[in-house]
Full PDB file with SEQRES, HELIX, SHEET, SSBOND, CRYST1, ORIGX, SCALE, CONECT and MASTER records, all heavy atoms in Angstrom:
SEQRES   1 A   39  ASP GLU TRP VAL TYR ALA LYS TYR VAL ASP ALA ALA THR          
SEQRES   2 A   39  GLY GLU GLU LYS ARG ILE ARG SER ARG PHE LEU VAL GLY          
SEQRES   3 A   39  ALA ASP GLY LYS THR GLY PHE THR ARG LYS MET TYR LEU          
HELIX    1 AA1 PHE A   33  PHE A   33  1                                   1    
HELIX    2 AA2 THR A   34  TYR A   38  3                                   5    
SHEET    1 AA1 2 VAL A   4  VAL A   9  0                                        
SHEET    2 AA1 2 GLU A  16  SER A  21 -1                                        
CRYST1    1.000    1.000    1.000  90.00  90.00  90.00 P 1           1          
ORIGX1      1.000000  0.000000  0.000000        0.00000                         
ORIGX2      0.000000  1.000000  0.000000        0.00000                         
ORIGX3      0.000000  0.000000  1.000000        0.00000                         
SCALE1      1.000000  0.000000  0.000000        0.00000                         
SCALE2      0.000000  1.000000  0.000000        0.00000                         
SCALE3      0.000000  0.000000  1.000000        0.00000                         
ATOM      1  N   ASP A   1      70.851  59.377   8.706  1.00  0.00           N  
ATOM      2  CA  ASP A   1      71.662  58.576   9.620  1.00  0.00           C  
ATOM      3  C   ASP A   1      71.907  57.148   9.134  1.00  0.00           C  
ATOM      4  O   ASP A   1      72.834  56.489   9.597  1.00  0.00           O  
ATOM      5  CB  ASP A   1      71.027  58.521  11.009  1.00  0.00           C  
ATOM      6  CG  ASP A   1      71.077  59.854  11.720  1.00  0.00           C  
ATOM      7  OD1 ASP A   1      71.940  60.684  11.349  1.00  0.00           O  
ATOM      8  OD2 ASP A   1      70.268  60.075  12.637  1.00  0.00           O  
ATOM      9  N   GLU A   2      71.077  56.654   8.224  1.00  0.00           N  
ATOM     10  CA  GLU A   2      71.208  55.266   7.793  1.00  0.00           C  
ATOM     11  C   GLU A   2      71.510  55.079   6.307  1.00  0.00           C  
ATOM     12  O   GLU A   2      72.090  54.071   5.933  1.00  0.00           O  
ATOM     13  CB  GLU A   2      69.925  54.500   8.127  1.00  0.00           C  
ATOM     14  CG  GLU A   2      69.676  54.384   9.612  1.00  0.00           C  
ATOM     15  CD  GLU A   2      68.478  53.518   9.919  1.00  0.00           C  
ATOM     16  OE1 GLU A   2      68.251  52.533   9.179  1.00  0.00           O  
ATOM     17  OE2 GLU A   2      67.771  53.827  10.893  1.00  0.00           O  
ATOM     18  N   TRP A   3      71.087  56.004   5.470  1.00  0.00           N  
ATOM     19  CA  TRP A   3      71.149  55.784   4.026  1.00  0.00           C  
ATOM     20  C   TRP A   3      71.800  56.958   3.297  1.00  0.00           C  
ATOM     21  O   TRP A   3      71.752  58.090   3.746  1.00  0.00           O  
ATOM     22  CB  TRP A   3      69.749  55.587   3.441  1.00  0.00           C  
ATOM     23  CG  TRP A   3      69.038  54.414   3.982  1.00  0.00           C  
ATOM     24  CD1 TRP A   3      68.078  54.408   4.954  1.00  0.00           C  
ATOM     25  CD2 TRP A   3      69.211  53.048   3.604  1.00  0.00           C  
ATOM     26  NE1 TRP A   3      67.652  53.124   5.190  1.00  0.00           N  
ATOM     27  CE2 TRP A   3      68.332  52.265   4.375  1.00  0.00           C  
ATOM     28  CE3 TRP A   3      70.021  52.408   2.679  1.00  0.00           C  
ATOM     29  CZ2 TRP A   3      68.233  50.895   4.245  1.00  0.00           C  
ATOM     30  CZ3 TRP A   3      69.932  51.026   2.556  1.00  0.00           C  
ATOM     31  CH2 TRP A   3      69.041  50.292   3.331  1.00  0.00           C  
ATOM     32  N   VAL A   4      72.340  56.654   2.122  1.00  0.00           N  
ATOM     33  CA  VAL A   4      72.762  57.662   1.145  1.00  0.00           C  
ATOM     34  C   VAL A   4      71.787  57.555  -0.019  1.00  0.00           C  
ATOM     35  O   VAL A   4      71.466  56.454  -0.473  1.00  0.00           O  
ATOM     36  CB  VAL A   4      74.197  57.395   0.637  1.00  0.00           C  
ATOM     37  CG1 VAL A   4      74.586  58.428  -0.407  1.00  0.00           C  
ATOM     38  CG2 VAL A   4      75.190  57.384   1.776  1.00  0.00           C  
ATOM     39  N   TYR A   5      71.297  58.693  -0.475  1.00  0.00           N  
ATOM     40  CA  TYR A   5      70.347  58.734  -1.585  1.00  0.00           C  
ATOM     41  C   TYR A   5      71.009  59.432  -2.767  1.00  0.00           C  
ATOM     42  O   TYR A   5      71.655  60.466  -2.603  1.00  0.00           O  
ATOM     43  CB  TYR A   5      69.087  59.505  -1.193  1.00  0.00           C  
ATOM     44  CG  TYR A   5      68.432  58.957   0.048  1.00  0.00           C  
ATOM     45  CD1 TYR A   5      68.768  59.436   1.308  1.00  0.00           C  
ATOM     46  CD2 TYR A   5      67.487  57.939  -0.039  1.00  0.00           C  
ATOM     47  CE1 TYR A   5      68.175  58.929   2.449  1.00  0.00           C  
ATOM     48  CE2 TYR A   5      66.884  57.419   1.102  1.00  0.00           C  
ATOM     49  CZ  TYR A   5      67.236  57.925   2.350  1.00  0.00           C  
ATOM     50  OH  TYR A   5      66.662  57.411   3.475  1.00  0.00           O  
ATOM     51  N   ALA A   6      70.841  58.873  -3.932  1.00  0.00           N  
ATOM     52  CA  ALA A   6      71.399  59.476  -5.136  1.00  0.00           C  
ATOM     53  C   ALA A   6      70.309  59.566  -6.198  1.00  0.00           C  
ATOM     54  O   ALA A   6      69.553  58.614  -6.401  1.00  0.00           O  
ATOM     55  CB  ALA A   6      72.573  58.655  -5.661  1.00  0.00           C  
ATOM     56  N   LYS A   7      70.231  60.717  -6.843  1.00  0.00           N  
ATOM     57  CA  LYS A   7      69.351  60.881  -8.001  1.00  0.00           C  
ATOM     58  C   LYS A   7      70.242  60.937  -9.222  1.00  0.00           C  
ATOM     59  O   LYS A   7      71.332  61.518  -9.187  1.00  0.00           O  
ATOM     60  CB  LYS A   7      68.534  62.165  -7.903  1.00  0.00           C  
ATOM     61  CG  LYS A   7      67.421  62.096  -6.897  1.00  0.00           C  
ATOM     62  CD  LYS A   7      66.591  63.360  -6.951  1.00  0.00           C  
ATOM     63  CE  LYS A   7      65.501  63.329  -5.903  1.00  0.00           C  
ATOM     64  NZ  LYS A   7      64.714  64.574  -5.901  1.00  0.00           N  
ATOM     65  N   TYR A   8      69.767  60.324 -10.287  1.00  0.00           N  
ATOM     66  CA  TYR A   8      70.529  60.323 -11.533  1.00  0.00           C  
ATOM     67  C   TYR A   8      69.583  60.295 -12.708  1.00  0.00           C  
ATOM     68  O   TYR A   8      68.414  59.934 -12.590  1.00  0.00           O  
ATOM     69  CB  TYR A   8      71.496  59.131 -11.585  1.00  0.00           C  
ATOM     70  CG  TYR A   8      70.809  57.782 -11.635  1.00  0.00           C  
ATOM     71  CD1 TYR A   8      70.564  57.154 -12.848  1.00  0.00           C  
ATOM     72  CD2 TYR A   8      70.405  57.137 -10.480  1.00  0.00           C  
ATOM     73  CE1 TYR A   8      69.938  55.924 -12.914  1.00  0.00           C  
ATOM     74  CE2 TYR A   8      69.778  55.906 -10.526  1.00  0.00           C  
ATOM     75  CZ  TYR A   8      69.544  55.301 -11.744  1.00  0.00           C  
ATOM     76  OH  TYR A   8      68.915  54.074 -11.795  1.00  0.00           O  
ATOM     77  N   VAL A   9      70.105  60.707 -13.845  1.00  0.00           N  
ATOM     78  CA  VAL A   9      69.342  60.662 -15.090  1.00  0.00           C  
ATOM     79  C   VAL A   9      69.914  59.537 -15.943  1.00  0.00           C  
ATOM     80  O   VAL A   9      71.122  59.478 -16.185  1.00  0.00           O  
ATOM     81  CB  VAL A   9      69.411  61.999 -15.848  1.00  0.00           C  
ATOM     82  CG1 VAL A   9      68.733  61.886 -17.203  1.00  0.00           C  
ATOM     83  CG2 VAL A   9      68.780  63.107 -15.024  1.00  0.00           C  
ATOM     84  N   ASP A  10      69.040  58.650 -16.363  1.00  0.00           N  
ATOM     85  CA  ASP A  10      69.415  57.553 -17.248  1.00  0.00           C  
ATOM     86  C   ASP A  10      69.468  58.098 -18.669  1.00  0.00           C  
ATOM     87  O   ASP A  10      68.453  58.535 -19.212  1.00  0.00           O  
ATOM     88  CB  ASP A  10      68.379  56.437 -17.133  1.00  0.00           C  
ATOM     89  CG  ASP A  10      68.720  55.208 -17.936  1.00  0.00           C  
ATOM     90  OD1 ASP A  10      69.304  55.342 -19.037  1.00  0.00           O  
ATOM     91  OD2 ASP A  10      68.406  54.102 -17.471  1.00  0.00           O  
ATOM     92  N   ALA A  11      70.654  58.116 -19.255  1.00  0.00           N  
ATOM     93  CA  ALA A  11      70.825  58.707 -20.591  1.00  0.00           C  
ATOM     94  C   ALA A  11      70.032  57.970 -21.658  1.00  0.00           C  
ATOM     95  O   ALA A  11      69.610  58.569 -22.644  1.00  0.00           O  
ATOM     96  CB  ALA A  11      72.301  58.743 -20.970  1.00  0.00           C  
ATOM     97  N   ALA A  12      69.822  56.683 -21.479  1.00  0.00           N  
ATOM     98  CA  ALA A  12      69.097  55.909 -22.486  1.00  0.00           C  
ATOM     99  C   ALA A  12      67.628  56.312 -22.569  1.00  0.00           C  
ATOM    100  O   ALA A  12      67.040  56.326 -23.641  1.00  0.00           O  
ATOM    101  CB  ALA A  12      69.216  54.416 -22.191  1.00  0.00           C  
ATOM    102  N   THR A  13      67.031  56.669 -21.405  1.00  0.00           N  
ATOM    103  CA  THR A  13      65.601  56.977 -21.383  1.00  0.00           C  
ATOM    104  C   THR A  13      65.299  58.438 -21.069  1.00  0.00           C  
ATOM    105  O   THR A  13      64.183  58.895 -21.292  1.00  0.00           O  
ATOM    106  CB  THR A  13      64.880  56.116 -20.330  1.00  0.00           C  
ATOM    107  OG1 THR A  13      65.373  56.473 -19.031  1.00  0.00           O  
ATOM    108  CG2 THR A  13      65.091  54.639 -20.593  1.00  0.00           C  
ATOM    109  N   GLY A  14      66.288  59.160 -20.509  1.00  0.00           N  
ATOM    110  CA  GLY A  14      66.058  60.535 -20.077  1.00  0.00           C  
ATOM    111  C   GLY A  14      65.306  60.618 -18.764  1.00  0.00           C  
ATOM    112  O   GLY A  14      64.981  61.693 -18.280  1.00  0.00           O  
ATOM    113  N   GLU A  15      65.033  59.476 -18.163  1.00  0.00           N  
ATOM    114  CA  GLU A  15      64.247  59.397 -16.937  1.00  0.00           C  
ATOM    115  C   GLU A  15      65.121  59.649 -15.707  1.00  0.00           C  
ATOM    116  O   GLU A  15      66.231  59.141 -15.610  1.00  0.00           O  
ATOM    117  CB  GLU A  15      63.639  57.994 -16.870  1.00  0.00           C  
ATOM    118  CG  GLU A  15      62.699  57.747 -15.751  1.00  0.00           C  
ATOM    119  CD  GLU A  15      62.114  56.333 -15.792  1.00  0.00           C  
ATOM    120  OE1 GLU A  15      62.422  55.566 -16.726  1.00  0.00           O  
ATOM    121  OE2 GLU A  15      61.375  56.016 -14.863  1.00  0.00           O  
ATOM    122  N   GLU A  16      64.608  60.454 -14.758  1.00  0.00           N  
ATOM    123  CA  GLU A  16      65.318  60.644 -13.499  1.00  0.00           C  
ATOM    124  C   GLU A  16      64.914  59.535 -12.530  1.00  0.00           C  
ATOM    125  O   GLU A  16      63.736  59.207 -12.410  1.00  0.00           O  
ATOM    126  CB  GLU A  16      65.005  62.002 -12.869  1.00  0.00           C  
ATOM    127  CG  GLU A  16      65.818  62.225 -11.595  1.00  0.00           C  
ATOM    128  CD  GLU A  16      65.668  63.612 -11.007  1.00  0.00           C  
ATOM    129  OE1 GLU A  16      64.552  63.931 -10.554  1.00  0.00           O  
ATOM    130  OE2 GLU A  16      66.659  64.347 -11.002  1.00  0.00           O  
ATOM    131  N   LYS A  17      65.907  58.968 -11.874  1.00  0.00           N  
ATOM    132  CA  LYS A  17      65.660  57.871 -10.945  1.00  0.00           C  
ATOM    133  C   LYS A  17      66.343  58.165  -9.625  1.00  0.00           C  
ATOM    134  O   LYS A  17      67.246  59.001  -9.551  1.00  0.00           O  
ATOM    135  CB  LYS A  17      66.183  56.556 -11.520  1.00  0.00           C  
ATOM    136  CG  LYS A  17      65.488  56.178 -12.822  1.00  0.00           C  
ATOM    137  CD  LYS A  17      65.973  54.872 -13.355  1.00  0.00           C  
ATOM    138  CE  LYS A  17      65.245  54.541 -14.660  1.00  0.00           C  
ATOM    139  NZ  LYS A  17      65.606  53.238 -15.173  1.00  0.00           N  
ATOM    140  N   ARG A  18      65.924  57.466  -8.568  1.00  0.00           N  
ATOM    141  CA  ARG A  18      66.498  57.642  -7.244  1.00  0.00           C  
ATOM    142  C   ARG A  18      66.824  56.278  -6.660  1.00  0.00           C  
ATOM    143  O   ARG A  18      66.014  55.351  -6.747  1.00  0.00           O  
ATOM    144  CB  ARG A  18      65.507  58.368  -6.339  1.00  0.00           C  
ATOM    145  CG  ARG A  18      66.028  58.656  -4.954  1.00  0.00           C  
ATOM    146  CD  ARG A  18      64.977  59.470  -4.188  1.00  0.00           C  
ATOM    147  NE  ARG A  18      65.491  59.871  -2.903  1.00  0.00           N  
ATOM    148  CZ  ARG A  18      64.911  59.579  -1.748  1.00  0.00           C  
ATOM    149  NH1 ARG A  18      63.794  58.888  -1.718  1.00  0.00           N  
ATOM    150  NH2 ARG A  18      65.434  59.988  -0.623  1.00  0.00           N  
ATOM    151  N   ILE A  19      68.001  56.170  -6.064  1.00  0.00           N  
ATOM    152  CA  ILE A  19      68.384  54.936  -5.396  1.00  0.00           C  
ATOM    153  C   ILE A  19      68.871  55.271  -3.994  1.00  0.00           C  
ATOM    154  O   ILE A  19      69.210  56.412  -3.693  1.00  0.00           O  
ATOM    155  CB  ILE A  19      69.492  54.173  -6.168  1.00  0.00           C  
ATOM    156  CG1 ILE A  19      70.723  55.049  -6.375  1.00  0.00           C  
ATOM    157  CG2 ILE A  19      68.962  53.648  -7.491  1.00  0.00           C  
ATOM    158  CD1 ILE A  19      71.906  54.315  -6.984  1.00  0.00           C  
ATOM    159  N   ARG A  20      68.880  54.270  -3.116  1.00  0.00           N  
ATOM    160  CA  ARG A  20      69.437  54.451  -1.781  1.00  0.00           C  
ATOM    161  C   ARG A  20      70.400  53.314  -1.511  1.00  0.00           C  
ATOM    162  O   ARG A  20      70.259  52.210  -2.042  1.00  0.00           O  
ATOM    163  CB  ARG A  20      68.360  54.535  -0.717  1.00  0.00           C  
ATOM    164  CG  ARG A  20      67.750  53.219  -0.375  1.00  0.00           C  
ATOM    165  CD  ARG A  20      66.791  53.334   0.773  1.00  0.00           C  
ATOM    166  NE  ARG A  20      66.360  51.964   1.073  1.00  0.00           N  
ATOM    167  CZ  ARG A  20      65.609  51.632   2.061  1.00  0.00           C  
ATOM    168  NH1 ARG A  20      65.155  52.551   2.888  1.00  0.00           N  
ATOM    169  NH2 ARG A  20      65.277  50.382   2.268  1.00  0.00           N  
ATOM    170  N   SER A  21      71.374  53.608  -0.683  1.00  0.00           N  
ATOM    171  CA  SER A  21      72.409  52.630  -0.397  1.00  0.00           C  
ATOM    172  C   SER A  21      73.032  52.947   0.953  1.00  0.00           C  
ATOM    173  O   SER A  21      72.873  54.049   1.477  1.00  0.00           O  
ATOM    174  CB  SER A  21      73.479  52.698  -1.493  1.00  0.00           C  
ATOM    175  OG  SER A  21      74.514  51.794  -1.225  1.00  0.00           O  
ATOM    176  N   ARG A  22      73.737  51.995   1.498  1.00  0.00           N  
ATOM    177  CA  ARG A  22      74.476  52.238   2.746  1.00  0.00           C  
ATOM    178  C   ARG A  22      75.726  53.073   2.476  1.00  0.00           C  
ATOM    179  O   ARG A  22      76.165  53.815   3.329  1.00  0.00           O  
ATOM    180  CB  ARG A  22      74.883  50.919   3.404  1.00  0.00           C  
ATOM    181  CG  ARG A  22      73.714  50.095   3.839  1.00  0.00           C  
ATOM    182  CD  ARG A  22      73.168  50.621   5.127  1.00  0.00           C  
ATOM    183  NE  ARG A  22      72.117  49.733   5.571  1.00  0.00           N  
ATOM    184  CZ  ARG A  22      71.190  50.087   6.414  1.00  0.00           C  
ATOM    185  NH1 ARG A  22      71.178  51.283   6.922  1.00  0.00           N  
ATOM    186  NH2 ARG A  22      70.267  49.228   6.758  1.00  0.00           N  
ATOM    187  N   PHE A  23      76.312  52.915   1.289  1.00  0.00           N  
ATOM    188  CA  PHE A  23      77.539  53.617   0.928  1.00  0.00           C  
ATOM    189  C   PHE A  23      77.431  54.169  -0.484  1.00  0.00           C  
ATOM    190  O   PHE A  23      76.714  53.625  -1.317  1.00  0.00           O  
ATOM    191  CB  PHE A  23      78.747  52.671   0.975  1.00  0.00           C  
ATOM    192  CG  PHE A  23      78.946  52.028   2.313  1.00  0.00           C  
ATOM    193  CD1 PHE A  23      78.471  50.752   2.554  1.00  0.00           C  
ATOM    194  CD2 PHE A  23      79.603  52.698   3.328  1.00  0.00           C  
ATOM    195  CE1 PHE A  23      78.638  50.147   3.785  1.00  0.00           C  
ATOM    196  CE2 PHE A  23      79.775  52.102   4.570  1.00  0.00           C  
ATOM    197  CZ  PHE A  23      79.299  50.829   4.799  1.00  0.00           C  
ATOM    198  N   LEU A  24      78.187  55.217  -0.744  1.00  0.00           N  
ATOM    199  CA  LEU A  24      78.299  55.765  -2.090  1.00  0.00           C  
ATOM    200  C   LEU A  24      79.784  55.898  -2.390  1.00  0.00           C  
ATOM    201  O   LEU A  24      80.524  56.473  -1.596  1.00  0.00           O  
ATOM    202  CB  LEU A  24      77.642  57.143  -2.192  1.00  0.00           C  
ATOM    203  CG  LEU A  24      77.864  57.863  -3.510  1.00  0.00           C  
ATOM    204  CD1 LEU A  24      76.965  57.271  -4.585  1.00  0.00           C  
ATOM    205  CD2 LEU A  24      77.603  59.349  -3.373  1.00  0.00           C  
ATOM    206  N   VAL A  25      80.213  55.348  -3.499  1.00  0.00           N  
ATOM    207  CA  VAL A  25      81.600  55.488  -3.929  1.00  0.00           C  
ATOM    208  C   VAL A  25      81.617  56.475  -5.077  1.00  0.00           C  
ATOM    209  O   VAL A  25      80.996  56.241  -6.105  1.00  0.00           O  
ATOM    210  CB  VAL A  25      82.196  54.130  -4.379  1.00  0.00           C  
ATOM    211  CG1 VAL A  25      83.595  54.320  -4.921  1.00  0.00           C  
ATOM    212  CG2 VAL A  25      82.169  53.134  -3.231  1.00  0.00           C  
ATOM    213  N   GLY A  26      82.313  57.581  -4.879  1.00  0.00           N  
ATOM    214  CA  GLY A  26      82.419  58.590  -5.920  1.00  0.00           C  
ATOM    215  C   GLY A  26      83.689  58.372  -6.718  1.00  0.00           C  
ATOM    216  O   GLY A  26      84.743  58.842  -6.337  1.00  0.00           O  
ATOM    217  N   ALA A  27      83.587  57.658  -7.792  1.00  0.00           N  
ATOM    218  CA  ALA A  27      84.752  57.363  -8.630  1.00  0.00           C  
ATOM    219  C   ALA A  27      84.666  58.153  -9.926  1.00  0.00           C  
ATOM    220  O   ALA A  27      84.941  57.654 -10.996  1.00  0.00           O  
ATOM    221  CB  ALA A  27      84.824  55.863  -8.896  1.00  0.00           C  
ATOM    222  N   ASP A  28      84.282  59.413  -9.779  1.00  0.00           N  
ATOM    223  CA  ASP A  28      84.061  60.238 -10.966  1.00  0.00           C  
ATOM    224  C   ASP A  28      85.157  61.275 -11.174  1.00  0.00           C  
ATOM    225  O   ASP A  28      84.990  62.213 -11.930  1.00  0.00           O  
ATOM    226  CB  ASP A  28      82.681  60.892 -10.915  1.00  0.00           C  
ATOM    227  CG  ASP A  28      82.402  61.616  -9.608  1.00  0.00           C  
ATOM    228  OD1 ASP A  28      83.220  61.536  -8.684  1.00  0.00           O  
ATOM    229  OD2 ASP A  28      81.346  62.260  -9.516  1.00  0.00           O  
ATOM    230  N   GLY A  29      86.290  61.100 -10.510  1.00  0.00           N  
ATOM    231  CA  GLY A  29      87.447  61.949 -10.773  1.00  0.00           C  
ATOM    232  C   GLY A  29      87.479  63.226  -9.965  1.00  0.00           C  
ATOM    233  O   GLY A  29      86.534  63.576  -9.266  1.00  0.00           O  
ATOM    234  N   LYS A  30      88.600  63.940 -10.093  1.00  0.00           N  
ATOM    235  CA  LYS A  30      88.818  65.111  -9.257  1.00  0.00           C  
ATOM    236  C   LYS A  30      87.925  66.293  -9.599  1.00  0.00           C  
ATOM    237  O   LYS A  30      87.754  67.198  -8.796  1.00  0.00           O  
ATOM    238  CB  LYS A  30      90.287  65.529  -9.295  1.00  0.00           C  
ATOM    239  CG  LYS A  30      90.755  66.096 -10.602  1.00  0.00           C  
ATOM    240  CD  LYS A  30      92.216  66.490 -10.504  1.00  0.00           C  
ATOM    241  CE  LYS A  30      92.655  67.218 -11.751  1.00  0.00           C  
ATOM    242  NZ  LYS A  30      94.018  67.676 -11.646  1.00  0.00           N  
ATOM    243  N   THR A  31      87.354  66.319 -10.765  1.00  0.00           N  
ATOM    244  CA  THR A  31      86.427  67.396 -11.114  1.00  0.00           C  
ATOM    245  C   THR A  31      84.999  66.886 -11.227  1.00  0.00           C  
ATOM    246  O   THR A  31      84.129  67.578 -11.745  1.00  0.00           O  
ATOM    247  CB  THR A  31      86.841  68.072 -12.439  1.00  0.00           C  
ATOM    248  OG1 THR A  31      86.829  67.087 -13.479  1.00  0.00           O  
ATOM    249  CG2 THR A  31      88.216  68.701 -12.331  1.00  0.00           C  
ATOM    250  N   GLY A  32      84.742  65.695 -10.716  1.00  0.00           N  
ATOM    251  CA  GLY A  32      83.429  65.078 -10.829  1.00  0.00           C  
ATOM    252  C   GLY A  32      82.398  65.658  -9.874  1.00  0.00           C  
ATOM    253  O   GLY A  32      82.699  66.403  -8.939  1.00  0.00           O  
ATOM    254  N   PHE A  33      81.173  65.298 -10.086  1.00  0.00           N  
ATOM    255  CA  PHE A  33      80.031  65.767  -9.304  1.00  0.00           C  
ATOM    256  C   PHE A  33      80.214  65.462  -7.825  1.00  0.00           C  
ATOM    257  O   PHE A  33      79.961  66.322  -6.978  1.00  0.00           O  
ATOM    258  CB  PHE A  33      78.742  65.100  -9.818  1.00  0.00           C  
ATOM    259  CG  PHE A  33      77.499  65.569  -9.109  1.00  0.00           C  
ATOM    260  CD1 PHE A  33      76.761  66.608  -9.632  1.00  0.00           C  
ATOM    261  CD2 PHE A  33      77.078  64.979  -7.925  1.00  0.00           C  
ATOM    262  CE1 PHE A  33      75.615  67.056  -8.978  1.00  0.00           C  
ATOM    263  CE2 PHE A  33      75.941  65.425  -7.272  1.00  0.00           C  
ATOM    264  CZ  PHE A  33      75.208  66.468  -7.800  1.00  0.00           C  
ATOM    265  N   THR A  34      80.632  64.249  -7.501  1.00  0.00           N  
ATOM    266  CA  THR A  34      80.720  63.836  -6.101  1.00  0.00           C  
ATOM    267  C   THR A  34      81.611  64.781  -5.306  1.00  0.00           C  
ATOM    268  O   THR A  34      81.251  65.231  -4.220  1.00  0.00           O  
ATOM    269  CB  THR A  34      81.240  62.396  -5.990  1.00  0.00           C  
ATOM    270  OG1 THR A  34      80.402  61.544  -6.775  1.00  0.00           O  
ATOM    271  CG2 THR A  34      81.231  61.921  -4.558  1.00  0.00           C  
ATOM    272  N   ARG A  35      82.767  65.092  -5.839  1.00  0.00           N  
ATOM    273  CA  ARG A  35      83.677  65.992  -5.120  1.00  0.00           C  
ATOM    274  C   ARG A  35      83.188  67.431  -5.137  1.00  0.00           C  
ATOM    275  O   ARG A  35      83.076  68.086  -4.105  1.00  0.00           O  
ATOM    276  CB  ARG A  35      85.072  65.945  -5.704  1.00  0.00           C  
ATOM    277  CG  ARG A  35      85.986  66.934  -4.956  1.00  0.00           C  
ATOM    278  CD  ARG A  35      87.311  67.093  -5.582  1.00  0.00           C  
ATOM    279  NE  ARG A  35      88.110  65.918  -5.323  1.00  0.00           N  
ATOM    280  CZ  ARG A  35      89.371  65.809  -5.683  1.00  0.00           C  
ATOM    281  NH1 ARG A  35      89.966  66.796  -6.290  1.00  0.00           N  
ATOM    282  NH2 ARG A  35      90.038  64.725  -5.436  1.00  0.00           N  
ATOM    283  N   LYS A  36      82.909  67.952  -6.317  1.00  0.00           N  
ATOM    284  CA  LYS A  36      82.615  69.380  -6.464  1.00  0.00           C  
ATOM    285  C   LYS A  36      81.269  69.798  -5.871  1.00  0.00           C  
ATOM    286  O   LYS A  36      81.140  70.886  -5.320  1.00  0.00           O  
ATOM    287  CB  LYS A  36      82.672  69.792  -7.940  1.00  0.00           C  
ATOM    288  CG  LYS A  36      84.072  69.717  -8.521  1.00  0.00           C  
ATOM    289  CD  LYS A  36      84.984  70.690  -7.826  1.00  0.00           C  
ATOM    290  CE  LYS A  36      86.388  70.624  -8.364  1.00  0.00           C  
ATOM    291  NZ  LYS A  36      87.309  71.450  -7.595  1.00  0.00           N  
ATOM    292  N   MET A  37      80.264  68.960  -6.005  1.00  0.00           N  
ATOM    293  CA  MET A  37      78.923  69.359  -5.587  1.00  0.00           C  
ATOM    294  C   MET A  37      78.501  68.767  -4.247  1.00  0.00           C  
ATOM    295  O   MET A  37      77.488  69.183  -3.681  1.00  0.00           O  
ATOM    296  CB  MET A  37      77.903  68.947  -6.659  1.00  0.00           C  
ATOM    297  CG  MET A  37      78.195  69.534  -8.030  1.00  0.00           C  
ATOM    298  SD  MET A  37      78.274  71.330  -8.049  1.00  0.00           S  
ATOM    299  CE  MET A  37      76.575  71.738  -7.815  1.00  0.00           C  
ATOM    300  N   TYR A  38      79.251  67.792  -3.723  1.00  0.00           N  
ATOM    301  CA  TYR A  38      78.840  67.156  -2.477  1.00  0.00           C  
ATOM    302  C   TYR A  38      79.915  67.228  -1.390  1.00  0.00           C  
ATOM    303  O   TYR A  38      79.653  67.693  -0.294  1.00  0.00           O  
ATOM    304  CB  TYR A  38      78.447  65.698  -2.749  1.00  0.00           C  
ATOM    305  CG  TYR A  38      77.868  65.022  -1.538  1.00  0.00           C  
ATOM    306  CD1 TYR A  38      76.620  65.383  -1.058  1.00  0.00           C  
ATOM    307  CD2 TYR A  38      78.575  64.037  -0.868  1.00  0.00           C  
ATOM    308  CE1 TYR A  38      76.090  64.784   0.067  1.00  0.00           C  
ATOM    309  CE2 TYR A  38      78.043  63.425   0.259  1.00  0.00           C  
ATOM    310  CZ  TYR A  38      76.806  63.810   0.724  1.00  0.00           C  
ATOM    311  OH  TYR A  38      76.287  63.218   1.841  1.00  0.00           O  
ATOM    312  N   LEU A  39      81.114  66.776  -1.676  1.00  0.00           N  
ATOM    313  CA  LEU A  39      82.153  66.725  -0.650  1.00  0.00           C  
ATOM    314  C   LEU A  39      82.751  68.099  -0.328  1.00  0.00           C  
ATOM    315  O   LEU A  39      82.865  68.467   0.846  1.00  0.00           O  
ATOM    316  CB  LEU A  39      83.261  65.754  -1.065  1.00  0.00           C  
ATOM    317  CG  LEU A  39      82.835  64.292  -1.161  1.00  0.00           C  
ATOM    318  CD1 LEU A  39      83.970  63.448  -1.721  1.00  0.00           C  
ATOM    319  CD2 LEU A  39      82.385  63.768   0.191  1.00  0.00           C  
TER     320      LEU A  39                                                      
MASTER        0    0    0    2    2    0    0    6  319    1    0    3          
END                                                                             
């Protein structure tokens, strides 16, 4: 109800990280993860 959580892999380290935010902007294109796997 309050947060959006995103997990991602940092390519430089290979480490998986998690962040939280009030908003998420999916600017990854029409075939990107945000649209295909979430929306």
